[in-house]
Amino acid sequence: MSQILHPKIYDPDRYLISTIVHKPAGKGPYPAVVILPGFSDGKDEIHYTTLAELLCEDGYLVVRFDPTGIGE
């Protein structure tokens, strides 16, 4: 079973970047994918969430986040 993690990551100005990490089941190492949302999208858009879940099921560690000023 995969895990969903919510690490606290800060930008250089110490603003919190809302981040979600999908960690596959089993022992790593895992190949990683970073999902970069578009101009007005955030990490919780359904197409990013679905993509992250599918990649995680295939054994990828997936990171998705909200760009500064968008989402959380």
C-alpha atoms as a PDB file:
ATOM      1  CA  MET A   1       0.000   0.000   0.000  1.00  0.00           C
ATOM      2  CA  SER A   2       1.316   3.453  -0.890  1.00  0.00           C
ATOM      3  CA  GLN A   3       1.732   6.325   1.541  1.00  0.00           C
ATOM      4  CA  ILE A   4       0.790   9.968   1.150  1.00  0.00           C
ATOM      5  CA  LEU A   5       3.159  12.322   2.947  1.00  0.00           C
ATOM      6  CA  HIS A   6       2.832  16.048   3.677  1.00  0.00           C
ATOM      7  CA  PRO A   7       6.389  17.320   4.244  1.00  0.00           C
ATOM      8  CA  LYS A   8       7.020  20.899   5.336  1.00  0.00           C
ATOM      9  CA  ILE A   9       9.057  22.532   2.575  1.00  0.00           C
ATOM     10  CA  TYR A  10       9.905  26.237   2.570  1.00  0.00           C
ATOM     11  CA  ASP A  11      11.042  28.545  -0.208  1.00  0.00           C
ATOM     12  CA  PRO A  12      14.098  30.830   0.297  1.00  0.00           C
ATOM     13  CA  ASP A  13      11.846  33.537   1.805  1.00  0.00           C
ATOM     14  CA  ARG A  14      10.555  30.998   4.368  1.00  0.00           C
ATOM     15  CA  TYR A  15       7.065  30.695   2.837  1.00  0.00           C
ATOM     16  CA  LEU A  16       5.568  27.227   3.213  1.00  0.00           C
ATOM     17  CA  ILE A  17       5.153  25.369  -0.092  1.00  0.00           C
ATOM     18  CA  SER A  18       2.113  23.103   0.143  1.00  0.00           C
ATOM     19  CA  THR A  19       3.464  19.721  -0.975  1.00  0.00           C
ATOM     20  CA  ILE A  20       2.157  16.162  -1.245  1.00  0.00           C
ATOM     21  CA  VAL A  21       4.402  13.139  -1.796  1.00  0.00           C
ATOM     22  CA  HIS A  22       3.039   9.795  -3.006  1.00  0.00           C
ATOM     23  CA  LYS A  23       5.394   7.035  -1.827  1.00  0.00           C
ATOM     24  CA  PRO A  24       4.977   3.558  -3.346  1.00  0.00           C
ATOM     25  CA  ALA A  25       4.778   0.417  -1.267  1.00  0.00           C
ATOM     26  CA  GLY A  26       7.887  -1.620  -0.660  1.00  0.00           C
ATOM     27  CA  LYS A  27      11.486  -0.763  -0.175  1.00  0.00           C
ATOM     28  CA  GLY A  28      13.120   1.872  -2.405  1.00  0.00           C
ATOM     29  CA  PRO A  29      14.979   3.304  -4.074  1.00  0.00           C
ATOM     30  CA  TYR A  30      12.228   4.611  -6.331  1.00  0.00           C
ATOM     31  CA  PRO A  31      12.448   6.638  -9.531  1.00  0.00           C
ATOM     32  CA  ALA A  32      10.932  10.062  -8.879  1.00  0.00           C
ATOM     33  CA  VAL A  33       8.544  12.326 -10.768  1.00  0.00           C
ATOM     34  CA  VAL A  34       7.838  15.969  -9.891  1.00  0.00           C
ATOM     35  CA  ILE A  35       4.508  17.280 -11.166  1.00  0.00           C
ATOM     36  CA  LEU A  36       4.757  20.973 -12.011  1.00  0.00           C
ATOM     37  CA  PRO A  37       1.289  22.559 -12.122  1.00  0.00           C
ATOM     38  CA  GLY A  38       0.494  24.958 -14.933  1.00  0.00           C
ATOM     39  CA  PHE A  39      -0.033  28.713 -14.831  1.00  0.00           C
ATOM     40  CA  SER A  40      -3.298  28.715 -12.876  1.00  0.00           C
ATOM     41  CA  ASP A  41      -3.469  25.118 -11.615  1.00  0.00           C
ATOM     42  CA  GLY A  42      -2.698  23.788  -8.173  1.00  0.00           C
ATOM     43  CA  LYS A  43      -1.571  20.406  -6.911  1.00  0.00           C
ATOM     44  CA  ASP A  44      -5.120  19.257  -6.132  1.00  0.00           C
ATOM     45  CA  GLU A  45      -6.509  19.439  -9.673  1.00  0.00           C
ATOM     46  CA  ILE A  46      -8.058  16.066 -10.498  1.00  0.00           C
ATOM     47  CA  HIS A  47      -5.769  15.394 -13.472  1.00  0.00           C
ATOM     48  CA  TYR A  48      -2.643  15.865 -11.297  1.00  0.00           C
ATOM     49  CA  THR A  49      -4.031  13.758  -8.459  1.00  0.00           C
ATOM     50  CA  THR A  50      -4.996  10.935 -10.829  1.00  0.00           C
ATOM     51  CA  LEU A  51      -1.636  11.058 -12.610  1.00  0.00           C
ATOM     52  CA  ALA A  52       0.213  10.943  -9.278  1.00  0.00           C
ATOM     53  CA  GLU A  53      -1.816   7.946  -8.084  1.00  0.00           C
ATOM     54  CA  LEU A  54      -1.253   6.025 -11.324  1.00  0.00           C
ATOM     55  CA  LEU A  55       2.484   6.706 -11.340  1.00  0.00           C
ATOM     56  CA  CYS A  56       2.740   5.689  -7.686  1.00  0.00           C
ATOM     57  CA  GLU A  57       0.969   2.395  -8.443  1.00  0.00           C
ATOM     58  CA  ASP A  58       3.662   1.793 -11.086  1.00  0.00           C
ATOM     59  CA  GLY A  59       6.426   2.278  -8.485  1.00  0.00           C
ATOM     60  CA  TYR A  60       7.282   5.966  -8.852  1.00  0.00           C
ATOM     61  CA  LEU A  61       7.710   8.384  -5.949  1.00  0.00           C
ATOM     62  CA  VAL A  62       5.636  11.400  -6.985  1.00  0.00           C
ATOM     63  CA  VAL A  63       5.847  14.961  -5.656  1.00  0.00           C
ATOM     64  CA  ARG A  64       3.149  17.531  -6.402  1.00  0.00           C
ATOM     65  CA  PHE A  65       2.959  21.037  -4.989  1.00  0.00           C
ATOM     66  CA  ASP A  66       1.211  24.393  -5.225  1.00  0.00           C
ATOM     67  CA  PRO A  67       3.196  27.161  -6.932  1.00  0.00           C
ATOM     68  CA  THR A  68       3.572  30.336  -4.881  1.00  0.00           C
ATOM     69  CA  GLY A  69       0.320  32.321  -4.923  1.00  0.00           C
ATOM     70  CA  ILE A  70      -1.846  29.406  -6.102  1.00  0.00           C
ATOM     71  CA  GLY A  71      -3.761  26.884  -3.968  1.00  0.00           C
ATOM     72  CA  GLU A  72      -2.952  26.603  -0.270  1.00  0.00           C
END
